[in-house]
N, C-alpha and C. Protein backbone atom coordinates (compact mmCIF):
# COMPACT_ATOMS: atom_id res chain seq x y z
N UNK A 1 106.70 -50.21 105.36
CA UNK A 1 107.11 -50.66 106.65
C UNK A 1 105.96 -51.45 107.30
N UNK A 2 106.24 -52.65 107.70
CA UNK A 2 105.20 -53.51 108.45
C UNK A 2 104.97 -52.89 109.82
N UNK A 3 103.69 -52.95 110.19
CA UNK A 3 103.32 -52.42 111.49
C UNK A 3 102.21 -53.29 112.03
N UNK A 4 102.34 -53.62 113.34
CA UNK A 4 101.31 -54.41 114.08
C UNK A 4 100.50 -53.44 114.92
N UNK A 5 99.26 -53.29 114.48
CA UNK A 5 98.28 -52.46 115.23
C UNK A 5 97.34 -53.37 115.97
N UNK A 6 97.68 -53.62 117.19
CA UNK A 6 97.01 -54.64 118.04
C UNK A 6 97.03 -56.00 117.38
N UNK A 7 96.05 -56.40 116.62
CA UNK A 7 96.06 -57.73 115.98
C UNK A 7 96.04 -57.60 114.46
N UNK A 8 96.27 -56.40 113.96
CA UNK A 8 96.16 -56.18 112.48
C UNK A 8 97.54 -55.80 111.94
N UNK A 9 97.99 -56.51 110.94
CA UNK A 9 99.25 -56.14 110.26
C UNK A 9 98.93 -55.25 109.04
N UNK A 10 99.69 -54.15 108.97
CA UNK A 10 99.54 -53.26 107.81
C UNK A 10 100.94 -52.96 107.27
N UNK A 11 100.95 -52.57 106.02
CA UNK A 11 102.25 -52.25 105.37
C UNK A 11 102.11 -50.74 104.92
N UNK A 12 102.89 -49.87 105.53
CA UNK A 12 102.84 -48.43 105.29
C UNK A 12 104.03 -48.03 104.48
N UNK A 13 103.77 -47.54 103.25
CA UNK A 13 104.91 -46.99 102.48
C UNK A 13 105.13 -45.54 102.89
N UNK A 14 106.31 -45.22 103.22
CA UNK A 14 106.75 -43.85 103.55
C UNK A 14 105.74 -43.20 104.53
N UNK A 15 105.82 -43.68 105.81
CA UNK A 15 104.85 -43.21 106.80
C UNK A 15 104.75 -41.65 106.99
N UNK A 16 105.94 -41.00 106.91
CA UNK A 16 105.90 -39.54 107.08
C UNK A 16 105.13 -38.86 105.96
N UNK A 17 105.26 -39.35 104.76
CA UNK A 17 104.56 -38.79 103.61
C UNK A 17 103.02 -39.02 103.76
N UNK A 18 102.69 -40.26 104.14
CA UNK A 18 101.24 -40.59 104.29
C UNK A 18 100.68 -39.67 105.41
N UNK A 19 101.35 -39.50 106.52
CA UNK A 19 100.92 -38.63 107.57
C UNK A 19 100.71 -37.25 107.10
N UNK A 20 101.65 -36.71 106.36
CA UNK A 20 101.52 -35.39 105.82
C UNK A 20 100.35 -35.16 104.91
N UNK A 21 99.98 -36.19 104.17
CA UNK A 21 98.80 -36.14 103.28
C UNK A 21 97.48 -36.33 104.00
N UNK A 22 97.45 -37.10 105.08
CA UNK A 22 96.17 -37.51 105.64
C UNK A 22 95.90 -37.07 107.07
N UNK A 23 96.72 -36.25 107.71
CA UNK A 23 96.51 -35.97 109.10
C UNK A 23 95.23 -35.22 109.33
N UNK A 24 94.77 -34.41 108.40
CA UNK A 24 93.50 -33.67 108.57
C UNK A 24 92.32 -34.65 108.66
N UNK A 25 92.33 -35.69 107.84
CA UNK A 25 91.25 -36.71 107.84
C UNK A 25 91.27 -37.50 109.12
N UNK A 26 92.44 -37.62 109.74
CA UNK A 26 92.49 -38.40 110.97
C UNK A 26 91.90 -37.68 112.15
N UNK A 27 91.81 -36.37 112.10
CA UNK A 27 91.18 -35.61 113.18
C UNK A 27 92.08 -35.48 114.41
N UNK A 28 93.41 -35.54 114.19
CA UNK A 28 94.33 -35.51 115.36
C UNK A 28 94.95 -34.14 115.53
N UNK A 29 94.63 -33.16 114.66
CA UNK A 29 95.32 -31.89 114.75
C UNK A 29 96.69 -32.03 114.13
N UNK A 30 97.51 -31.03 114.20
CA UNK A 30 98.84 -31.05 113.60
C UNK A 30 99.70 -32.03 114.38
N UNK A 31 100.06 -33.19 113.73
CA UNK A 31 100.74 -34.25 114.47
C UNK A 31 102.27 -33.89 114.78
N UNK A 32 102.75 -32.88 114.09
CA UNK A 32 104.19 -32.56 114.29
C UNK A 32 104.49 -32.03 115.72
N UNK A 33 103.46 -31.57 116.43
CA UNK A 33 103.64 -31.09 117.79
C UNK A 33 103.41 -32.19 118.77
N UNK A 34 102.92 -33.36 118.33
CA UNK A 34 102.68 -34.50 119.21
C UNK A 34 103.92 -35.04 119.81
N UNK A 35 103.83 -35.39 121.06
CA UNK A 35 104.85 -36.14 121.72
C UNK A 35 104.36 -37.63 121.71
N UNK A 36 105.25 -38.54 122.04
CA UNK A 36 104.90 -39.95 122.01
C UNK A 36 103.66 -40.23 122.85
N UNK A 37 103.58 -39.64 123.98
CA UNK A 37 102.42 -39.87 124.85
C UNK A 37 101.09 -39.41 124.19
N UNK A 38 101.13 -38.27 123.49
CA UNK A 38 99.99 -37.75 122.81
C UNK A 38 99.53 -38.68 121.73
N UNK A 39 100.53 -39.23 120.94
CA UNK A 39 100.24 -40.15 119.91
C UNK A 39 99.61 -41.44 120.44
N UNK A 40 100.14 -41.96 121.48
CA UNK A 40 99.60 -43.20 122.11
C UNK A 40 98.19 -42.93 122.55
N UNK A 41 97.99 -41.82 123.24
CA UNK A 41 96.61 -41.52 123.76
C UNK A 41 95.61 -41.33 122.59
N UNK A 42 95.99 -40.65 121.52
CA UNK A 42 95.11 -40.46 120.37
C UNK A 42 94.71 -41.83 119.78
N UNK A 43 95.75 -42.65 119.48
CA UNK A 43 95.51 -43.90 118.80
C UNK A 43 94.73 -44.83 119.74
N UNK A 44 95.07 -44.88 121.05
CA UNK A 44 94.30 -45.70 121.99
C UNK A 44 92.82 -45.31 121.99
N UNK A 45 92.57 -44.01 122.09
CA UNK A 45 91.18 -43.55 122.12
C UNK A 45 90.46 -43.94 120.83
N UNK A 46 91.14 -43.80 119.68
CA UNK A 46 90.51 -44.16 118.45
C UNK A 46 90.23 -45.69 118.34
N UNK A 47 91.14 -46.52 118.79
CA UNK A 47 90.94 -47.94 118.79
C UNK A 47 89.83 -48.34 119.71
N UNK A 48 89.77 -47.71 120.87
CA UNK A 48 88.68 -48.05 121.85
C UNK A 48 87.36 -47.63 121.25
N UNK A 49 87.30 -46.49 120.58
CA UNK A 49 86.04 -45.99 120.00
C UNK A 49 85.60 -46.98 118.91
N UNK A 50 86.54 -47.37 118.07
CA UNK A 50 86.22 -48.27 116.98
C UNK A 50 85.84 -49.63 117.50
N UNK A 51 86.44 -50.08 118.59
CA UNK A 51 86.10 -51.39 119.15
C UNK A 51 84.66 -51.42 119.65
N UNK A 52 84.19 -50.34 120.21
CA UNK A 52 82.87 -50.33 120.79
C UNK A 52 81.77 -50.02 119.77
N UNK A 53 82.10 -49.17 118.79
CA UNK A 53 81.09 -48.70 117.82
C UNK A 53 81.12 -49.31 116.39
N UNK A 54 82.33 -49.75 115.95
CA UNK A 54 82.39 -50.18 114.63
C UNK A 54 83.10 -51.52 114.46
N UNK A 55 83.48 -52.18 115.58
CA UNK A 55 84.16 -53.48 115.55
C UNK A 55 85.57 -53.41 114.83
N UNK A 56 86.26 -52.34 115.13
CA UNK A 56 87.67 -52.26 114.60
C UNK A 56 87.80 -51.15 113.53
N UNK A 57 89.04 -50.92 113.16
CA UNK A 57 89.31 -49.90 112.19
C UNK A 57 89.57 -50.59 110.83
N UNK A 58 89.24 -49.96 109.72
CA UNK A 58 89.49 -50.53 108.41
C UNK A 58 91.00 -50.40 108.03
N UNK A 59 91.37 -51.03 106.95
CA UNK A 59 92.81 -51.09 106.60
C UNK A 59 93.42 -49.64 106.38
N UNK A 60 92.67 -48.79 105.71
CA UNK A 60 93.21 -47.43 105.45
C UNK A 60 93.40 -46.65 106.75
N UNK A 61 92.43 -46.72 107.66
CA UNK A 61 92.56 -46.06 108.90
C UNK A 61 93.74 -46.65 109.76
N UNK A 62 93.85 -47.99 109.73
CA UNK A 62 94.94 -48.62 110.40
C UNK A 62 96.32 -48.13 109.87
N UNK A 63 96.38 -47.94 108.52
CA UNK A 63 97.62 -47.43 107.96
C UNK A 63 97.86 -45.96 108.40
N UNK A 64 96.79 -45.18 108.51
CA UNK A 64 96.93 -43.79 108.99
C UNK A 64 97.42 -43.76 110.44
N UNK A 65 96.83 -44.58 111.26
CA UNK A 65 97.23 -44.59 112.65
C UNK A 65 98.68 -45.13 112.80
N UNK A 66 98.99 -46.09 111.97
CA UNK A 66 100.40 -46.65 112.03
C UNK A 66 101.34 -45.61 111.56
N UNK A 67 101.04 -44.85 110.53
CA UNK A 67 101.95 -43.84 110.04
C UNK A 67 102.18 -42.77 111.12
N UNK A 68 101.15 -42.41 111.86
CA UNK A 68 101.32 -41.48 112.97
C UNK A 68 102.27 -42.00 114.02
N UNK A 69 102.10 -43.26 114.42
CA UNK A 69 102.92 -43.83 115.44
C UNK A 69 104.37 -43.97 114.95
N UNK A 70 104.52 -44.44 113.75
CA UNK A 70 105.87 -44.60 113.15
C UNK A 70 106.60 -43.25 113.14
N UNK A 71 105.94 -42.26 112.54
CA UNK A 71 106.58 -40.99 112.32
C UNK A 71 106.91 -40.27 113.64
N UNK A 72 106.07 -40.42 114.66
CA UNK A 72 106.27 -39.68 115.89
C UNK A 72 107.01 -40.46 116.98
N UNK A 73 107.06 -41.79 116.88
CA UNK A 73 107.72 -42.59 117.96
C UNK A 73 108.81 -43.51 117.45
N UNK A 74 108.75 -43.93 116.23
CA UNK A 74 109.70 -44.90 115.69
C UNK A 74 109.35 -46.32 115.98
N UNK A 75 108.28 -46.57 116.70
CA UNK A 75 107.85 -47.94 117.06
C UNK A 75 107.16 -48.61 115.82
N UNK A 76 107.15 -49.89 115.78
CA UNK A 76 106.49 -50.60 114.71
C UNK A 76 105.34 -51.45 115.20
N UNK A 77 104.85 -51.20 116.42
CA UNK A 77 103.66 -51.90 116.88
C UNK A 77 103.05 -51.11 118.06
N UNK A 78 101.76 -51.22 118.15
CA UNK A 78 101.00 -50.75 119.31
C UNK A 78 100.03 -51.87 119.69
N UNK A 79 100.20 -52.38 120.83
CA UNK A 79 99.39 -53.51 121.32
C UNK A 79 98.57 -53.09 122.48
N UNK A 80 97.31 -53.49 122.51
CA UNK A 80 96.36 -53.14 123.62
C UNK A 80 96.32 -54.39 124.52
N UNK A 81 96.73 -54.26 125.76
CA UNK A 81 96.67 -55.34 126.75
C UNK A 81 95.38 -55.17 127.53
N UNK A 82 94.67 -56.24 127.65
CA UNK A 82 93.40 -56.25 128.41
C UNK A 82 93.69 -56.36 129.92
N UNK A 83 93.03 -55.45 130.65
CA UNK A 83 93.16 -55.46 132.09
C UNK A 83 92.00 -56.25 132.67
N UNK A 84 92.06 -56.61 133.94
CA UNK A 84 91.03 -57.37 134.61
C UNK A 84 89.66 -56.61 134.63
N UNK A 85 89.77 -55.28 134.66
CA UNK A 85 88.49 -54.55 134.77
C UNK A 85 87.91 -54.26 133.34
N UNK A 86 88.51 -54.83 132.31
CA UNK A 86 87.92 -54.70 130.96
C UNK A 86 88.55 -53.57 130.18
N UNK A 87 89.29 -52.72 130.86
CA UNK A 87 89.94 -51.60 130.17
C UNK A 87 91.21 -52.12 129.38
N UNK A 88 91.76 -51.30 128.57
CA UNK A 88 92.95 -51.71 127.83
C UNK A 88 94.13 -50.76 128.09
N UNK A 89 95.30 -51.26 128.08
CA UNK A 89 96.50 -50.48 128.26
C UNK A 89 97.39 -50.59 127.05
N UNK A 90 97.64 -49.43 126.36
CA UNK A 90 98.44 -49.49 125.13
C UNK A 90 99.93 -49.67 125.42
N UNK A 91 100.59 -50.43 124.61
CA UNK A 91 102.04 -50.67 124.71
C UNK A 91 102.69 -50.46 123.33
N UNK A 92 103.61 -49.53 123.28
CA UNK A 92 104.41 -49.36 122.06
C UNK A 92 105.58 -50.33 122.14
N UNK A 93 105.89 -50.93 121.00
CA UNK A 93 107.04 -51.86 120.96
C UNK A 93 107.70 -51.77 119.61
N UNK A 94 108.96 -52.20 119.63
CA UNK A 94 109.69 -52.41 118.40
C UNK A 94 109.94 -53.85 118.28
N UNK A 95 109.31 -54.47 117.27
CA UNK A 95 109.33 -55.90 117.01
C UNK A 95 110.21 -56.11 115.84
N UNK A 96 111.08 -57.16 115.94
CA UNK A 96 111.93 -57.44 114.77
C UNK A 96 111.08 -57.67 113.47
N UNK A 97 111.61 -57.10 112.38
CA UNK A 97 110.88 -57.22 111.10
C UNK A 97 110.56 -58.66 110.72
N UNK A 98 111.46 -59.56 111.00
CA UNK A 98 111.24 -60.97 110.66
C UNK A 98 110.01 -61.52 111.42
N UNK A 99 109.79 -61.06 112.64
CA UNK A 99 108.65 -61.52 113.42
C UNK A 99 107.39 -60.98 112.77
N UNK A 100 107.35 -59.73 112.37
CA UNK A 100 106.20 -59.15 111.71
C UNK A 100 105.90 -59.89 110.38
N UNK A 101 106.94 -60.30 109.69
CA UNK A 101 106.74 -61.03 108.45
C UNK A 101 106.08 -62.36 108.71
N UNK A 102 106.46 -63.05 109.80
CA UNK A 102 105.89 -64.29 110.18
C UNK A 102 104.38 -64.11 110.53
N UNK A 103 104.09 -63.04 111.32
CA UNK A 103 102.69 -62.73 111.60
C UNK A 103 101.92 -62.52 110.34
N UNK A 104 102.51 -61.76 109.38
CA UNK A 104 101.77 -61.48 108.14
C UNK A 104 101.52 -62.76 107.33
N UNK A 105 102.53 -63.66 107.30
CA UNK A 105 102.37 -64.92 106.59
C UNK A 105 101.31 -65.75 107.26
N UNK A 106 101.33 -65.82 108.59
CA UNK A 106 100.29 -66.56 109.31
C UNK A 106 98.93 -66.06 109.13
N UNK A 107 98.81 -64.70 109.08
CA UNK A 107 97.48 -64.14 108.83
C UNK A 107 97.02 -64.44 107.45
N UNK A 108 97.90 -64.39 106.46
CA UNK A 108 97.56 -64.71 105.06
C UNK A 108 97.18 -66.20 104.98
N UNK A 109 97.89 -67.04 105.66
CA UNK A 109 97.50 -68.51 105.63
C UNK A 109 96.11 -68.72 106.27
N UNK A 110 95.84 -68.00 107.33
CA UNK A 110 94.51 -68.06 107.95
C UNK A 110 93.43 -67.68 106.99
N UNK A 111 93.75 -66.71 106.12
CA UNK A 111 92.74 -66.23 105.17
C UNK A 111 92.78 -66.98 103.86
N UNK A 112 93.78 -67.92 103.72
CA UNK A 112 93.85 -68.75 102.51
C UNK A 112 94.46 -68.10 101.30
N UNK A 113 95.30 -67.06 101.54
CA UNK A 113 95.94 -66.42 100.36
C UNK A 113 97.36 -66.00 100.77
N UNK A 114 98.09 -65.60 99.73
CA UNK A 114 99.44 -65.11 99.99
C UNK A 114 99.37 -63.66 100.48
N UNK A 115 100.39 -63.19 101.24
CA UNK A 115 100.30 -61.81 101.70
C UNK A 115 100.33 -60.85 100.52
N UNK A 116 99.39 -59.88 100.54
CA UNK A 116 99.30 -58.84 99.54
C UNK A 116 99.06 -57.52 100.32
N UNK A 117 100.07 -56.91 100.80
CA UNK A 117 99.93 -55.74 101.62
C UNK A 117 99.36 -54.60 100.81
N UNK A 118 98.63 -53.72 101.56
CA UNK A 118 98.06 -52.56 100.96
C UNK A 118 96.69 -52.74 100.39
N UNK A 119 96.17 -53.96 100.41
CA UNK A 119 94.87 -54.17 99.80
C UNK A 119 93.77 -54.50 100.79
N UNK A 120 94.14 -55.09 101.94
CA UNK A 120 93.08 -55.54 102.83
C UNK A 120 93.74 -55.79 104.22
N UNK A 121 92.92 -55.77 105.26
CA UNK A 121 93.55 -55.97 106.58
C UNK A 121 94.07 -57.38 106.75
N UNK A 122 95.11 -57.48 107.55
CA UNK A 122 95.69 -58.81 107.86
C UNK A 122 95.65 -58.93 109.39
N UNK A 123 95.13 -59.99 109.87
CA UNK A 123 95.04 -60.24 111.30
C UNK A 123 96.18 -61.08 111.76
N UNK A 124 96.85 -60.75 112.82
CA UNK A 124 97.97 -61.52 113.34
C UNK A 124 97.43 -62.72 114.08
N UNK A 125 98.28 -63.73 114.23
CA UNK A 125 97.89 -64.85 115.04
C UNK A 125 97.82 -64.50 116.47
N UNK A 126 96.91 -65.07 117.17
CA UNK A 126 96.73 -64.74 118.66
C UNK A 126 97.63 -65.67 119.43
């Protein structure tokens, strides 16, 4: 399943299975008790932390976060909107699959290669 995590496109095969295998590594506690708001808060905090300390999340972590969002909310994107004060506001959305495919192709063109999901991060067009 294609997922847009802010500006990064990832392809997550069987999100529920990935979440079941990797939730302990994610540090989120048992995700089955999470409500949508808990999921958004956890992912938002992790993205903010990564933005300030590591300049983003790697592809595997993006897939982990995406699997959490997909499994617990059904959304296929989480976008951080910048506020005037510099903070960010997370927004869950359901984007048509065709639109995500266009983002993925555009990101692949920017990188000079064909889309190969599961191997490296893909950045969406701004």
